[in-house]
Protein backbone atom coordinates (compact mmCIF):
# COMPACT_ATOMS: atom_id res chain seq x y z
CA MET A 1 -29.44 6.75 -21.54
CA SER A 2 -31.92 8.66 -23.77
CA ASN A 3 -29.48 11.25 -24.95
CA ILE A 4 -27.13 8.50 -26.46
CA ILE A 5 -29.71 6.42 -27.88
CA GLU A 6 -31.46 9.72 -29.65
CA LEU A 7 -27.61 10.53 -30.66
CA ILE A 8 -27.12 6.72 -32.03
CA GLN A 9 -30.85 7.35 -34.09
CA LYS A 10 -28.83 11.02 -35.67
CA GLN A 11 -26.00 9.13 -36.60
CA LYS A 12 -27.59 6.82 -38.83
CA PRO A 13 -26.36 8.30 -42.27
CA ALA A 14 -22.68 8.44 -40.89
CA ILE A 15 -23.10 4.46 -39.50
CA LYS A 16 -24.50 3.74 -43.14
CA ALA A 17 -21.51 5.47 -44.57
CA ALA A 18 -19.09 3.36 -43.01
CA LEU A 19 -21.25 0.06 -43.53
CA PRO A 20 -20.20 -2.49 -46.18
CA SER A 21 -22.94 -3.31 -48.39
CA HIS A 22 -23.74 -6.48 -47.18
CA VAL A 23 -24.87 -4.76 -43.83
CA LYS A 24 -27.99 -2.67 -43.27
CA ALA A 25 -27.68 0.60 -41.06
CA ASP A 26 -31.25 -0.10 -39.58
CA ARG A 27 -29.98 -3.11 -38.13
CA ILE A 28 -26.58 -1.66 -36.39
CA VAL A 29 -28.91 0.90 -35.15
CA ARG A 30 -31.48 -1.30 -33.48
CA ILE A 31 -28.57 -3.52 -32.45
CA ALA A 32 -26.47 -0.47 -30.82
CA GLN A 33 -29.71 0.96 -29.19
CA THR A 34 -30.85 -2.60 -27.32
CA MET A 35 -27.13 -2.80 -26.61
CA VAL A 36 -27.48 0.80 -24.35
CA LYS A 37 -30.91 -0.23 -23.27
CA LYS A 38 -29.97 -3.56 -21.95
CA ASN A 39 -26.52 -2.04 -20.36
CA PRO A 40 -27.57 1.07 -18.40
CA ARG A 41 -23.74 1.98 -17.75
CA LEU A 42 -23.18 2.42 -21.52
CA GLY A 43 -25.55 5.32 -21.32
CA GLU A 44 -23.39 7.04 -18.70
CA CYS A 45 -20.00 6.98 -20.83
CA HIS A 46 -18.89 9.83 -22.87
CA PRO A 47 -21.29 9.60 -25.84
CA HIS A 48 -17.88 10.18 -28.10
CA THR A 49 -16.45 6.71 -27.17
CA VAL A 50 -19.95 4.88 -27.29
CA LEU A 51 -20.23 6.10 -31.11
CA GLY A 52 -16.47 5.37 -31.97
CA SER A 53 -16.93 2.29 -30.73
CA ILE A 54 -20.16 1.71 -32.96
CA MET A 55 -18.33 3.46 -36.03
CA LEU A 56 -15.52 1.00 -35.55
CA ALA A 57 -17.79 -2.04 -35.28
CA SER A 58 -19.84 -0.68 -38.53
CA GLN A 59 -16.52 -0.29 -40.73
CA LEU A 60 -15.41 -3.84 -39.94
CA GLY A 61 -18.97 -5.04 -40.54
CA LEU A 62 -19.12 -6.73 -37.19
CA GLU A 63 -22.11 -6.73 -35.17
CA PRO A 64 -21.67 -5.67 -31.22
CA ASN A 65 -22.72 -7.45 -28.12
CA THR A 66 -24.84 -10.21 -30.03
CA PRO A 67 -24.71 -13.68 -29.49
CA LEU A 68 -22.16 -14.13 -32.85
CA GLY A 69 -19.50 -12.83 -30.57
CA GLN A 70 -17.93 -10.69 -33.30
CA CYS A 71 -16.83 -7.73 -30.94
CA TYR A 72 -18.16 -6.02 -27.99
CA ILE A 73 -18.57 -2.39 -26.44
CA ILE A 74 -18.27 -2.97 -22.75
CA PRO A 75 -17.94 0.28 -20.33
CA TYR A 76 -14.85 0.85 -18.62
CA LYS A 77 -15.09 3.77 -15.91
CA LYS A 78 -16.93 6.18 -17.98
CA ASP A 79 -15.78 5.40 -21.38
CA ALA A 80 -17.19 2.90 -23.55
CA GLN A 81 -14.66 0.04 -24.66
CA PHE A 82 -14.40 -1.44 -28.13
CA GLN A 83 -13.17 -5.53 -28.11
CA LEU A 84 -12.65 -7.56 -31.20
CA GLY A 85 -14.07 -11.08 -30.55
CA TYR A 86 -12.44 -14.24 -31.29
CA LYS A 87 -14.96 -14.89 -33.70
CA GLY A 88 -14.66 -11.65 -35.41
CA LEU A 89 -10.98 -12.29 -35.48
CA ILE A 90 -11.93 -15.10 -37.56
CA ASP A 91 -14.43 -13.52 -39.54
CA LEU A 92 -12.00 -10.62 -40.56
CA CYS A 93 -9.54 -13.39 -41.63
CA TYR A 94 -11.59 -15.23 -44.00
CA ARG A 95 -12.91 -12.24 -45.62
CA THR A 96 -10.09 -11.77 -47.10
CA ASN A 97 -10.04 -14.45 -48.91
CA LYS A 98 -6.84 -15.69 -48.50
CA TYR A 99 -7.06 -18.06 -45.69
CA LYS A 100 -8.24 -22.08 -46.51
CA THR A 101 -8.51 -21.92 -42.80
CA ILE A 102 -7.65 -20.97 -39.42
CA TYR A 103 -8.16 -22.28 -35.97
CA ALA A 104 -6.58 -23.10 -33.10
CA MET A 105 -6.26 -26.36 -30.35
CA PRO A 106 -5.49 -27.75 -27.13
CA VAL A 107 -2.94 -30.05 -27.13
CA TYR A 108 -3.29 -33.05 -23.94
CA ASP A 109 -0.69 -35.08 -22.60
CA GLU A 110 -2.26 -38.26 -23.92
CA ASP A 111 -2.09 -36.93 -27.23
CA GLU A 112 0.64 -37.45 -29.79
CA PHE A 113 2.26 -34.30 -30.32
CA ASP A 114 5.46 -33.25 -32.25
CA TYR A 115 6.43 -30.14 -33.80
CA GLN A 116 9.74 -28.12 -35.04
CA TYR A 117 10.11 -24.66 -36.48
CA GLY A 118 13.28 -23.70 -38.77
CA LEU A 119 13.64 -24.05 -42.51
CA ASN A 120 11.07 -27.02 -42.52
CA PRO A 121 8.43 -26.48 -40.21
CA ASP A 122 6.11 -29.34 -39.25
CA LEU A 123 3.24 -29.97 -36.78
CA THR A 124 2.04 -33.29 -35.88
CA HIS A 125 -1.14 -34.00 -33.42
CA ILE A 126 -3.03 -37.43 -33.23
CA PRO A 127 -5.47 -37.09 -30.04
CA GLY A 128 -5.31 -39.45 -27.47
CA VAL A 129 -8.21 -41.05 -25.27
CA ARG A 130 -9.02 -38.20 -22.64
CA LYS A 131 -9.16 -38.72 -18.89
CA ASP A 132 -11.87 -36.96 -16.99
CA THR A 133 -8.62 -35.62 -15.00
CA SER A 134 -6.86 -34.51 -18.21
CA GLU A 135 -5.74 -30.91 -18.86
CA PRO A 136 -4.23 -29.17 -21.94
CA ILE A 137 -0.05 -29.25 -21.54
CA ALA A 138 -0.09 -26.79 -24.89
CA TYR A 139 -2.00 -24.93 -27.35
CA TYR A 140 -1.15 -24.18 -31.28
CA ALA A 141 -2.65 -22.20 -33.90
CA VAL A 142 -2.86 -23.20 -37.62
CA TYR A 143 -3.47 -20.78 -40.73
CA LYS A 144 -3.62 -21.98 -44.13
CA LEU A 145 -3.91 -19.58 -47.31
CA GLU A 146 -5.19 -20.07 -50.17
CA ASN A 147 -2.20 -19.76 -52.44
CA GLY A 148 -0.98 -22.60 -50.39
CA GLY A 149 1.27 -20.95 -47.61
CA GLN A 150 0.76 -21.69 -44.14
CA ASP A 151 1.79 -21.43 -40.71
CA PHE A 152 1.76 -22.07 -37.07
CA ARG A 153 2.63 -21.27 -33.29
CA VAL A 154 2.66 -22.96 -30.01
CA LEU A 155 2.30 -22.17 -26.73
CA THR A 156 2.84 -24.38 -23.95
CA ARG A 157 0.16 -24.06 -20.80
CA LYS A 158 3.26 -22.68 -18.94
CA ASP A 159 3.56 -19.93 -21.41
CA ALA A 160 0.12 -18.78 -21.63
CA GLU A 161 -0.10 -18.56 -17.80
CA LYS A 162 3.05 -16.46 -17.84
CA HIS A 163 1.33 -14.28 -20.88
CA GLY A 164 -1.89 -14.30 -18.93
CA ARG A 165 -0.10 -12.72 -15.35
CA LYS A 166 1.94 -10.24 -17.37
CA PHE A 167 -1.07 -8.56 -19.53
CA SER A 168 -4.05 -8.95 -17.81
CA LYS A 169 -4.99 -6.89 -14.58
CA THR A 170 -7.83 -9.45 -13.86
CA PHE A 171 -5.96 -12.78 -13.91
CA ALA A 172 -6.22 -13.57 -10.38
CA LYS A 173 -10.30 -13.35 -10.62
CA GLY A 174 -11.39 -13.48 -14.33
CA PRO A 175 -11.64 -15.72 -17.18
CA TRP A 176 -8.12 -16.70 -17.06
CA GLN A 177 -9.28 -18.57 -14.00
CA THR A 178 -12.83 -19.56 -15.22
CA ASP A 179 -11.80 -20.10 -18.84
CA PHE A 180 -8.14 -20.88 -19.26
CA ASP A 181 -7.98 -22.66 -22.52
CA SER A 182 -10.41 -20.37 -24.37
CA MET A 183 -8.40 -17.72 -23.07
CA ALA A 184 -4.95 -19.38 -24.31
CA MET A 185 -6.26 -20.13 -27.37
CA LYS A 186 -7.10 -16.70 -28.06
CA THR A 187 -3.67 -15.48 -27.24
CA VAL A 188 -1.91 -18.03 -29.48
CA ILE A 189 -4.18 -17.22 -32.44
CA LYS A 190 -3.26 -13.57 -32.07
CA GLN A 191 0.43 -14.93 -32.19
CA VAL A 192 0.65 -16.68 -35.39
CA LEU A 193 -1.42 -13.96 -37.40
CA LYS A 194 1.49 -11.78 -36.56
CA TYR A 195 3.48 -13.89 -39.38
CA ALA A 196 0.33 -13.81 -41.47
CA PRO A 197 -0.98 -11.48 -44.16
CA THR A 198 -2.69 -8.47 -43.21
CA THR A 199 -5.09 -6.24 -44.95
CA VAL A 200 -6.31 -2.11 -44.23
CA GLU A 201 -9.06 -3.87 -42.05
CA LEU A 202 -6.63 -6.00 -39.64
CA ALA A 203 -4.42 -3.28 -39.80
CA GLN A 204 -6.73 -0.67 -38.72
CA LEU A 205 -7.36 -2.57 -35.60
CA ASP A 206 -3.69 -1.42 -34.56
CA GLY A 207 -4.12 0.46 -31.28
CA LEU A 208 -7.69 0.55 -31.72
CA ASP A 209 -8.71 -3.10 -30.36
CA ASP A 210 -8.86 -3.22 -26.78
CA GLY A 211 -8.89 0.30 -26.68
CA VAL A 212 -11.23 3.46 -25.90
CA VAL A 213 -12.40 4.77 -29.83
CA SER A 214 -13.70 8.61 -29.93
CA PHE A 215 -15.98 9.53 -32.85
CA ASP A 216 -16.17 13.42 -34.13
CA LYS A 217 -18.83 14.12 -36.91
CA ASP A 218 -16.14 15.95 -38.47
CA GLU A 219 -12.91 14.24 -38.03
CA GLY A 220 -14.25 10.53 -37.96
CA ILE A 221 -12.97 8.06 -35.72
CA ILE A 222 -10.25 8.80 -33.12
CA ASP A 223 -8.17 6.31 -31.61
CA GLY A 224 -7.87 7.11 -27.76
CA ASP A 225 -6.19 5.42 -24.87
CA VAL A 226 -5.67 1.53 -25.12
CA VAL A 227 -7.36 -0.22 -22.12
CA ASP A 228 -6.05 -3.64 -21.08
CA VAL A 229 -8.85 -5.57 -20.86
CA GLU A 230 -7.58 -9.07 -22.39
CA ALA A 231 -8.86 -10.97 -19.30
CA VAL A 232 -12.29 -11.11 -20.91
CA ASP A 233 -12.97 -13.94 -22.51
CA THR A 234 -15.21 -13.09 -25.90
CA GLU A 235 -15.70 -16.41 -26.87
CA ASN A 236 -17.55 -18.53 -24.30
CA GLN A 237 -19.11 -15.47 -22.67
CA SER A 238 -22.15 -13.49 -22.98
CA PRO A 239 -22.26 -9.81 -23.60
CA ASP A 240 -23.85 -9.72 -20.07
CA ALA A 241 -20.99 -12.04 -18.50
CA LEU A 242 -18.25 -9.96 -20.29
CA ILE A 243 -19.92 -6.93 -18.75
CA ASP A 244 -19.73 -8.06 -15.23
CA ALA A 245 -16.01 -9.81 -15.63
CA LEU A 246 -15.09 -5.91 -16.84
CA GLU A 247 -17.01 -4.48 -13.93
CA GLU A 248 -14.90 -6.46 -11.25
CA GLU A 249 -11.56 -4.67 -12.05
């Protein structure tokens, strides 16, 4: 563990160079070192994957493993795994200055809900009176751009479950069981972003988010094998809970 903590300190100049101007290198170094101290398993990971995840978080201007829920660095076997959080994804969208708003919502059986795609897409959602036994029947995500453009996507509960079963290794025992709604909303907002304007920062995440990222002092960030940890709920769980969920695999 001490070796990685010392290595993080030595890489402070590289971290500072990667950070946007509004984020201080001293803070990121402290956060990264505290992250390793709190989770000794990170200290057992290959150092280049820990540094790779820290550098990627730095380039994106996101704080790893803090209550902000922006991103997480999680031990997966002997590699450190970078995972973009739901809130981090939203933050990156707003930072482009292209989005007026972006959000996801659940739909209940008591709600008045109607939508259509095609040449004249439209969505109407008027919440009804909830019952104690009410459960969502669908989920949707919406974005509106500063230039007036907008789009949405709808995901039925059945389709959300199908997605979870297909892509999540821990569907039967992970957050898809303990917090299905958050996982479904995270899924649908990722779907609508496929049709939204992108930026260099968002494009950079393709193939890096939810994966192992290596760092070499000469070559910089090198993307490695992507690991499926989609079942980790990054919105409503603490970093320690996220780590516990991943370690159950």
